[in-house]
């Protein structure tokens, strides 16, 4: 009996000790947490993610003579207005989408397009060129890096099956329109067979850098 009492007392003492240690540890952790919080600069409130960002067709004026036309397709089109005309940077994903963009440009200015700059070979940035050329009375230069033609041809011809499958997964082109808010980075990428792609290559290329004057603007 004495042995049982002794064992019982040891167990009780151990439990009490563990409880006290746990409480001290919790209090100590709370103090450390409060100390760290007081030393860290409060973060700005994270903006609410809006699923319809870029879904609205609009022209945004970012400077006195620079506009960004967004919401018409997956990519954006940039317009720089000079004294002698306008420069178009990137021509969208299809002729149909690009025609809408041209109409938006004509709401800004009636000045002629005097040059096109293609930033890179991705389909959504360089496949509506014909619509812009149709708006021009004269031939205009099309500028791009000298690697453009090779990679654009690869994407559009050699690797087109791979490009298509990847785009379906990346941009959700197979998701029904009634449940899809956007393509992740902008409105949509139309790949239903209804779009017309312009196979038009640059007329002037450069390797590392180039200085030109377009629309009276030094670039």
C-alpha atoms as a PDB file:
ATOM      1  CA  UNK A   1       0.000   0.000   0.000  1.00  0.00           C
ATOM      2  CA  UNK A   2       2.796   2.436   0.875  1.00  0.00           C
ATOM      3  CA  UNK A   3       4.429   1.685  -2.466  1.00  0.00           C
ATOM      4  CA  UNK A   4       1.207   2.459  -4.339  1.00  0.00           C
ATOM      5  CA  UNK A   5       0.807   5.750  -2.496  1.00  0.00           C
ATOM      6  CA  UNK A   6       4.407   6.666  -3.287  1.00  0.00           C
ATOM      7  CA  UNK A   7       3.895   5.883  -6.980  1.00  0.00           C
ATOM      8  CA  UNK A   8       0.680   7.904  -7.017  1.00  0.00           C
ATOM      9  CA  UNK A   9       2.401  10.899  -5.456  1.00  0.00           C
ATOM     10  CA  UNK A  10       5.259  10.699  -7.971  1.00  0.00           C
ATOM     11  CA  UNK A  11       2.805  10.632 -10.879  1.00  0.00           C
ATOM     12  CA  UNK A  12       0.870  13.594  -9.505  1.00  0.00           C
ATOM     13  CA  UNK A  13       4.064  15.548  -8.946  1.00  0.00           C
ATOM     14  CA  UNK A  14       5.238  14.813 -12.484  1.00  0.00           C
ATOM     15  CA  UNK A  15       1.920  15.903 -13.997  1.00  0.00           C
ATOM     16  CA  UNK A  16       1.948  19.157 -12.017  1.00  0.00           C
ATOM     17  CA  UNK A  17       5.530  19.852 -13.086  1.00  0.00           C
ATOM     18  CA  UNK A  18       4.706  19.231 -16.758  1.00  0.00           C
ATOM     19  CA  UNK A  19       1.662  21.505 -16.552  1.00  0.00           C
ATOM     20  CA  UNK A  20       3.692  24.327 -15.036  1.00  0.00           C
ATOM     21  CA  UNK A  21       6.419  23.942 -17.652  1.00  0.00           C
ATOM     22  CA  UNK A  22       3.870  23.971 -20.468  1.00  0.00           C
ATOM     23  CA  UNK A  23       2.288  27.145 -19.136  1.00  0.00           C
ATOM     24  CA  UNK A  24       5.660  28.855 -18.800  1.00  0.00           C
ATOM     25  CA  UNK A  25       6.590  27.783 -22.336  1.00  0.00           C
ATOM     26  CA  UNK A  26       3.310  29.137 -23.722  1.00  0.00           C
ATOM     27  CA  UNK A  27       3.717  32.455 -21.932  1.00  0.00           C
ATOM     28  CA  UNK A  28       7.304  32.700 -23.153  1.00  0.00           C
ATOM     29  CA  UNK A  29       6.254  32.013 -26.742  1.00  0.00           C
ATOM     30  CA  UNK A  30       3.554  34.661 -26.503  1.00  0.00           C
ATOM     31  CA  UNK A  31       6.086  37.213 -25.273  1.00  0.00           C
ATOM     32  CA  UNK A  32       8.474  36.359 -28.114  1.00  0.00           C
ATOM     33  CA  UNK A  33       5.649  36.649 -30.662  1.00  0.00           C
ATOM     34  CA  UNK A  34       4.543  40.032 -29.304  1.00  0.00           C
ATOM     35  CA  UNK A  35       8.124  41.250 -29.357  1.00  0.00           C
ATOM     36  CA  UNK A  36       8.608  40.232 -32.987  1.00  0.00           C
ATOM     37  CA  UNK A  37       5.312  41.777 -34.066  1.00  0.00           C
ATOM     38  CA  UNK A  38       6.235  45.086 -32.470  1.00  0.00           C
ATOM     39  CA  UNK A  39       9.523  45.140 -34.389  1.00  0.00           C
ATOM     40  CA  UNK A  40       8.110  44.245 -37.787  1.00  0.00           C
ATOM     41  CA  UNK A  41       6.728  47.060 -39.955  1.00  0.00           C
ATOM     42  CA  UNK A  42       3.025  46.456 -40.534  1.00  0.00           C
ATOM     43  CA  UNK A  43       2.300  45.227 -44.058  1.00  0.00           C
ATOM     44  CA  UNK A  44      -0.002  47.069 -46.375  1.00  0.00           C
ATOM     45  CA  UNK A  45      -3.356  45.462 -46.877  1.00  0.00           C
ATOM     46  CA  UNK A  46      -3.188  42.964 -49.722  1.00  0.00           C
ATOM     47  CA  UNK A  47      -5.387  44.171 -52.572  1.00  0.00           C
ATOM     48  CA  UNK A  48      -8.390  42.060 -53.344  1.00  0.00           C
ATOM     49  CA  UNK A  49      -7.876  39.937 -56.435  1.00  0.00           C
ATOM     50  CA  UNK A  50     -10.384  40.812 -59.101  1.00  0.00           C
ATOM     51  CA  UNK A  51     -11.112  38.117 -61.616  1.00  0.00           C
ATOM     52  CA  UNK A  52     -12.304  40.565 -64.265  1.00  0.00           C
ATOM     53  CA  UNK A  53      -9.084  42.582 -64.452  1.00  0.00           C
ATOM     54  CA  UNK A  54      -8.346  43.259 -68.109  1.00  0.00           C
ATOM     55  CA  UNK A  55     -11.780  42.055 -69.231  1.00  0.00           C
ATOM     56  CA  UNK A  56     -12.956  45.576 -69.902  1.00  0.00           C
ATOM     57  CA  UNK A  57     -12.048  46.937 -73.314  1.00  0.00           C
ATOM     58  CA  UNK A  58     -10.449  50.296 -72.769  1.00  0.00           C
ATOM     59  CA  UNK A  59      -7.679  52.638 -73.811  1.00  0.00           C
ATOM     60  CA  UNK A  60      -5.450  53.770 -70.965  1.00  0.00           C
ATOM     61  CA  UNK A  61      -3.432  56.945 -71.380  1.00  0.00           C
ATOM     62  CA  UNK A  62      -0.162  56.444 -69.517  1.00  0.00           C
ATOM     63  CA  UNK A  63       1.594  59.599 -70.729  1.00  0.00           C
ATOM     64  CA  UNK A  64       0.938  62.611 -72.923  1.00  0.00           C
ATOM     65  CA  UNK A  65       1.484  60.600 -76.105  1.00  0.00           C
ATOM     66  CA  UNK A  66       1.488  56.960 -74.961  1.00  0.00           C
ATOM     67  CA  UNK A  67      -1.561  54.714 -74.777  1.00  0.00           C
ATOM     68  CA  UNK A  68      -2.119  51.090 -73.830  1.00  0.00           C
ATOM     69  CA  UNK A  69      -5.120  49.346 -75.351  1.00  0.00           C
ATOM     70  CA  UNK A  70      -6.247  46.501 -73.117  1.00  0.00           C
ATOM     71  CA  UNK A  71      -9.075  44.008 -72.796  1.00  0.00           C
ATOM     72  CA  UNK A  72      -9.408  43.078 -76.468  1.00  0.00           C
ATOM     73  CA  UNK A  73      -7.340  39.920 -76.373  1.00  0.00           C
ATOM     74  CA  UNK A  74      -4.747  38.099 -74.330  1.00  0.00           C
ATOM     75  CA  UNK A  75      -2.021  40.698 -74.841  1.00  0.00           C
ATOM     76  CA  UNK A  76      -2.029  44.497 -74.979  1.00  0.00           C
ATOM     77  CA  UNK A  77      -1.226  46.923 -77.771  1.00  0.00           C
ATOM     78  CA  UNK A  78       0.852  50.033 -77.106  1.00  0.00           C
ATOM     79  CA  UNK A  79       0.513  53.180 -79.201  1.00  0.00           C
ATOM     80  CA  UNK A  80       3.036  56.017 -79.242  1.00  0.00           C
ATOM     81  CA  UNK A  81       1.853  59.211 -80.911  1.00  0.00           C
ATOM     82  CA  UNK A  82       4.338  61.528 -82.579  1.00  0.00           C
ATOM     83  CA  UNK A  83       4.080  64.690 -84.655  1.00  0.00           C
ATOM     84  CA  UNK A  84       4.255  62.725 -87.915  1.00  0.00           C
ATOM     85  CA  UNK A  85       2.149  59.691 -87.036  1.00  0.00           C
ATOM     86  CA  UNK A  86       1.812  56.824 -84.603  1.00  0.00           C
ATOM     87  CA  UNK A  87       3.920  53.789 -83.716  1.00  0.00           C
ATOM     88  CA  UNK A  88       2.202  50.501 -82.897  1.00  0.00           C
ATOM     89  CA  UNK A  89       3.910  48.085 -80.540  1.00  0.00           C
ATOM     90  CA  UNK A  90       2.613  44.491 -80.800  1.00  0.00           C
ATOM     91  CA  UNK A  91      -0.293  43.503 -83.032  1.00  0.00           C
ATOM     92  CA  UNK A  92      -2.394  41.136 -80.884  1.00  0.00           C
ATOM     93  CA  UNK A  93      -3.360  37.486 -81.468  1.00  0.00           C
ATOM     94  CA  UNK A  94      -5.488  37.597 -84.619  1.00  0.00           C
ATOM     95  CA  UNK A  95      -6.641  39.833 -87.449  1.00  0.00           C
ATOM     96  CA  UNK A  96     -10.146  40.032 -85.963  1.00  0.00           C
ATOM     97  CA  UNK A  97      -8.948  41.220 -82.557  1.00  0.00           C
ATOM     98  CA  UNK A  98      -6.470  43.607 -84.173  1.00  0.00           C
ATOM     99  CA  UNK A  99      -9.240  45.237 -86.245  1.00  0.00           C
ATOM    100  CA  UNK A 100     -11.040  46.127 -83.029  1.00  0.00           C
ATOM    101  CA  UNK A 101      -7.820  47.610 -81.695  1.00  0.00           C
ATOM    102  CA  UNK A 102      -7.380  49.674 -84.858  1.00  0.00           C
ATOM    103  CA  UNK A 103     -10.906  51.065 -84.325  1.00  0.00           C
ATOM    104  CA  UNK A 104      -9.929  51.965 -80.753  1.00  0.00           C
ATOM    105  CA  UNK A 105      -6.824  53.730 -82.059  1.00  0.00           C
ATOM    106  CA  UNK A 106      -8.925  55.754 -84.484  1.00  0.00           C
ATOM    107  CA  UNK A 107     -10.904  57.070 -81.544  1.00  0.00           C
ATOM    108  CA  UNK A 108      -7.643  58.551 -80.244  1.00  0.00           C
ATOM    109  CA  UNK A 109      -6.128  59.962 -83.406  1.00  0.00           C
ATOM    110  CA  UNK A 110      -6.434  60.055 -87.181  1.00  0.00           C
ATOM    111  CA  UNK A 111      -2.670  60.195 -87.657  1.00  0.00           C
ATOM    112  CA  UNK A 112      -1.257  57.437 -89.890  1.00  0.00           C
ATOM    113  CA  UNK A 113       0.560  54.384 -88.603  1.00  0.00           C
ATOM    114  CA  UNK A 114       4.190  54.916 -89.632  1.00  0.00           C
ATOM    115  CA  UNK A 115       5.777  51.832 -88.090  1.00  0.00           C
ATOM    116  CA  UNK A 116       5.169  48.604 -86.185  1.00  0.00           C
ATOM    117  CA  UNK A 117       7.430  47.131 -83.520  1.00  0.00           C
ATOM    118  CA  UNK A 118       7.054  43.465 -82.547  1.00  0.00           C
ATOM    119  CA  UNK A 119       8.553  42.882 -79.132  1.00  0.00           C
ATOM    120  CA  UNK A 120       8.770  39.093 -79.497  1.00  0.00           C
ATOM    121  CA  UNK A 121       7.472  36.073 -81.398  1.00  0.00           C
ATOM    122  CA  UNK A 122       4.620  34.904 -79.157  1.00  0.00           C
ATOM    123  CA  UNK A 123       1.405  34.409 -81.095  1.00  0.00           C
ATOM    124  CA  UNK A 124      -0.680  36.782 -78.975  1.00  0.00           C
ATOM    125  CA  UNK A 125       1.757  39.628 -79.646  1.00  0.00           C
ATOM    126  CA  UNK A 126       2.430  39.293 -83.357  1.00  0.00           C
ATOM    127  CA  UNK A 127      -0.451  37.670 -85.236  1.00  0.00           C
ATOM    128  CA  UNK A 128      -2.766  40.578 -86.085  1.00  0.00           C
ATOM    129  CA  UNK A 129      -0.308  42.600 -88.149  1.00  0.00           C
ATOM    130  CA  UNK A 130      -2.422  42.525 -91.332  1.00  0.00           C
ATOM    131  CA  UNK A 131      -5.195  44.567 -89.726  1.00  0.00           C
ATOM    132  CA  UNK A 132      -2.754  47.403 -89.026  1.00  0.00           C
ATOM    133  CA  UNK A 133      -1.298  47.232 -92.534  1.00  0.00           C
ATOM    134  CA  UNK A 134      -4.819  47.437 -93.961  1.00  0.00           C
ATOM    135  CA  UNK A 135      -5.186  50.774 -92.170  1.00  0.00           C
ATOM    136  CA  UNK A 136      -2.097  52.153 -93.899  1.00  0.00           C
ATOM    137  CA  UNK A 137      -2.079  53.848 -97.304  1.00  0.00           C
ATOM    138  CA  UNK A 138       1.664  53.325 -97.755  1.00  0.00           C
ATOM    139  CA  UNK A 139       4.072  50.530 -96.945  1.00  0.00           C
ATOM    140  CA  UNK A 140       5.466  50.828 -93.436  1.00  0.00           C
ATOM    141  CA  UNK A 141       8.468  49.213 -91.706  1.00  0.00           C
ATOM    142  CA  UNK A 142       7.986  46.349 -89.255  1.00  0.00           C
ATOM    143  CA  UNK A 143      10.765  46.072 -86.680  1.00  0.00           C
ATOM    144  CA  UNK A 144      11.790  43.052 -84.617  1.00  0.00           C
ATOM    145  CA  UNK A 145      14.819  41.202 -83.299  1.00  0.00           C
ATOM    146  CA  UNK A 146      16.629  39.142 -85.926  1.00  0.00           C
ATOM    147  CA  UNK A 147      15.632  35.934 -84.127  1.00  0.00           C
ATOM    148  CA  UNK A 148      11.917  36.710 -84.546  1.00  0.00           C
ATOM    149  CA  UNK A 149      11.325  35.007 -87.894  1.00  0.00           C
ATOM    150  CA  UNK A 150      12.931  31.748 -86.846  1.00  0.00           C
ATOM    151  CA  UNK A 151      11.026  31.375 -83.592  1.00  0.00           C
ATOM    152  CA  UNK A 152       7.723  32.659 -84.965  1.00  0.00           C
ATOM    153  CA  UNK A 153       7.920  30.061 -87.717  1.00  0.00           C
ATOM    154  CA  UNK A 154       8.716  27.387 -85.143  1.00  0.00           C
ATOM    155  CA  UNK A 155       5.703  28.299 -83.005  1.00  0.00           C
ATOM    156  CA  UNK A 156       3.277  28.663 -85.892  1.00  0.00           C
ATOM    157  CA  UNK A 157       4.354  25.675 -87.983  1.00  0.00           C
ATOM    158  CA  UNK A 158       6.813  23.169 -86.539  1.00  0.00           C
ATOM    159  CA  UNK A 159       5.638  23.319 -82.935  1.00  0.00           C
ATOM    160  CA  UNK A 160       2.027  24.367 -83.498  1.00  0.00           C
ATOM    161  CA  UNK A 161       0.502  21.113 -82.084  1.00  0.00           C
ATOM    162  CA  UNK A 162       2.555  21.513 -78.914  1.00  0.00           C
ATOM    163  CA  UNK A 163       1.786  25.233 -78.736  1.00  0.00           C
ATOM    164  CA  UNK A 164      -1.929  24.531 -79.043  1.00  0.00           C
ATOM    165  CA  UNK A 165      -2.015  21.885 -76.300  1.00  0.00           C
ATOM    166  CA  UNK A 166      -0.004  24.061 -73.952  1.00  0.00           C
ATOM    167  CA  UNK A 167      -2.234  27.084 -74.589  1.00  0.00           C
ATOM    168  CA  UNK A 168      -5.355  25.032 -73.829  1.00  0.00           C
ATOM    169  CA  UNK A 169      -3.943  24.149 -70.421  1.00  0.00           C
ATOM    170  CA  UNK A 170      -2.295  27.472 -69.664  1.00  0.00           C
ATOM    171  CA  UNK A 171      -5.126  29.797 -70.682  1.00  0.00           C
ATOM    172  CA  UNK A 172      -8.162  27.548 -70.209  1.00  0.00           C
ATOM    173  CA  UNK A 173      -9.360  27.900 -73.785  1.00  0.00           C
ATOM    174  CA  UNK A 174     -11.543  24.793 -73.449  1.00  0.00           C
ATOM    175  CA  UNK A 175     -13.391  26.124 -70.387  1.00  0.00           C
ATOM    176  CA  UNK A 176     -16.959  27.241 -71.256  1.00  0.00           C
ATOM    177  CA  UNK A 177     -17.243  31.024 -71.510  1.00  0.00           C
ATOM    178  CA  UNK A 178     -20.148  31.168 -69.054  1.00  0.00           C
ATOM    179  CA  UNK A 179     -17.943  29.905 -66.208  1.00  0.00           C
ATOM    180  CA  UNK A 180     -14.542  31.325 -67.181  1.00  0.00           C
ATOM    181  CA  UNK A 181     -13.727  34.777 -65.856  1.00  0.00           C
ATOM    182  CA  UNK A 182     -10.553  35.320 -67.854  1.00  0.00           C
ATOM    183  CA  UNK A 183      -7.413  33.633 -69.172  1.00  0.00           C
ATOM    184  CA  UNK A 184      -5.310  34.396 -66.121  1.00  0.00           C
ATOM    185  CA  UNK A 185      -3.501  37.456 -67.472  1.00  0.00           C
ATOM    186  CA  UNK A 186      -6.190  39.090 -69.572  1.00  0.00           C
ATOM    187  CA  UNK A 187      -9.522  38.577 -71.249  1.00  0.00           C
ATOM    188  CA  UNK A 188      -9.218  35.551 -73.497  1.00  0.00           C
ATOM    189  CA  UNK A 189      -7.220  33.680 -76.096  1.00  0.00           C
ATOM    190  CA  UNK A 190      -9.489  32.662 -78.950  1.00  0.00           C
ATOM    191  CA  UNK A 191      -8.507  29.240 -80.293  1.00  0.00           C
ATOM    192  CA  UNK A 192     -11.815  27.971 -81.641  1.00  0.00           C
ATOM    193  CA  UNK A 193     -10.820  28.037 -85.300  1.00  0.00           C
ATOM    194  CA  UNK A 194     -12.644  31.290 -86.020  1.00  0.00           C
ATOM    195  CA  UNK A 195      -9.589  33.537 -85.784  1.00  0.00           C
ATOM    196  CA  UNK A 196      -7.409  34.564 -88.736  1.00  0.00           C
ATOM    197  CA  UNK A 197      -3.687  34.690 -88.078  1.00  0.00           C
ATOM    198  CA  UNK A 198      -1.396  37.042 -90.025  1.00  0.00           C
ATOM    199  CA  UNK A 199       1.786  35.325 -91.161  1.00  0.00           C
ATOM    200  CA  UNK A 200       3.707  38.550 -91.595  1.00  0.00           C
ATOM    201  CA  UNK A 201       7.378  38.863 -90.762  1.00  0.00           C
ATOM    202  CA  UNK A 202       9.482  41.924 -89.896  1.00  0.00           C
ATOM    203  CA  UNK A 203      10.975  43.965 -92.706  1.00  0.00           C
ATOM    204  CA  UNK A 204      13.771  45.419 -90.579  1.00  0.00           C
ATOM    205  CA  UNK A 205      15.611  43.470 -87.896  1.00  0.00           C
ATOM    206  CA  UNK A 206      18.414  44.133 -85.437  1.00  0.00           C
ATOM    207  CA  UNK A 207      20.681  42.046 -83.265  1.00  0.00           C
ATOM    208  CA  UNK A 208      21.688  43.869 -80.099  1.00  0.00           C
ATOM    209  CA  UNK A 209      20.417  47.420 -80.470  1.00  0.00           C
ATOM    210  CA  UNK A 210      19.136  49.890 -83.028  1.00  0.00           C
ATOM    211  CA  UNK A 211      18.497  53.622 -83.080  1.00  0.00           C
ATOM    212  CA  UNK A 212      15.689  54.867 -85.318  1.00  0.00           C
ATOM    213  CA  UNK A 213      13.430  57.865 -85.779  1.00  0.00           C
ATOM    214  CA  UNK A 214       9.728  57.129 -86.251  1.00  0.00           C
ATOM    215  CA  UNK A 215       6.857  59.616 -86.236  1.00  0.00           C
ATOM    216  CA  UNK A 216       9.393  62.279 -85.390  1.00  0.00           C
ATOM    217  CA  UNK A 217      10.403  60.405 -82.229  1.00  0.00           C
ATOM    218  CA  UNK A 218      13.942  59.165 -81.602  1.00  0.00           C
ATOM    219  CA  UNK A 219      13.965  55.587 -80.388  1.00  0.00           C
END
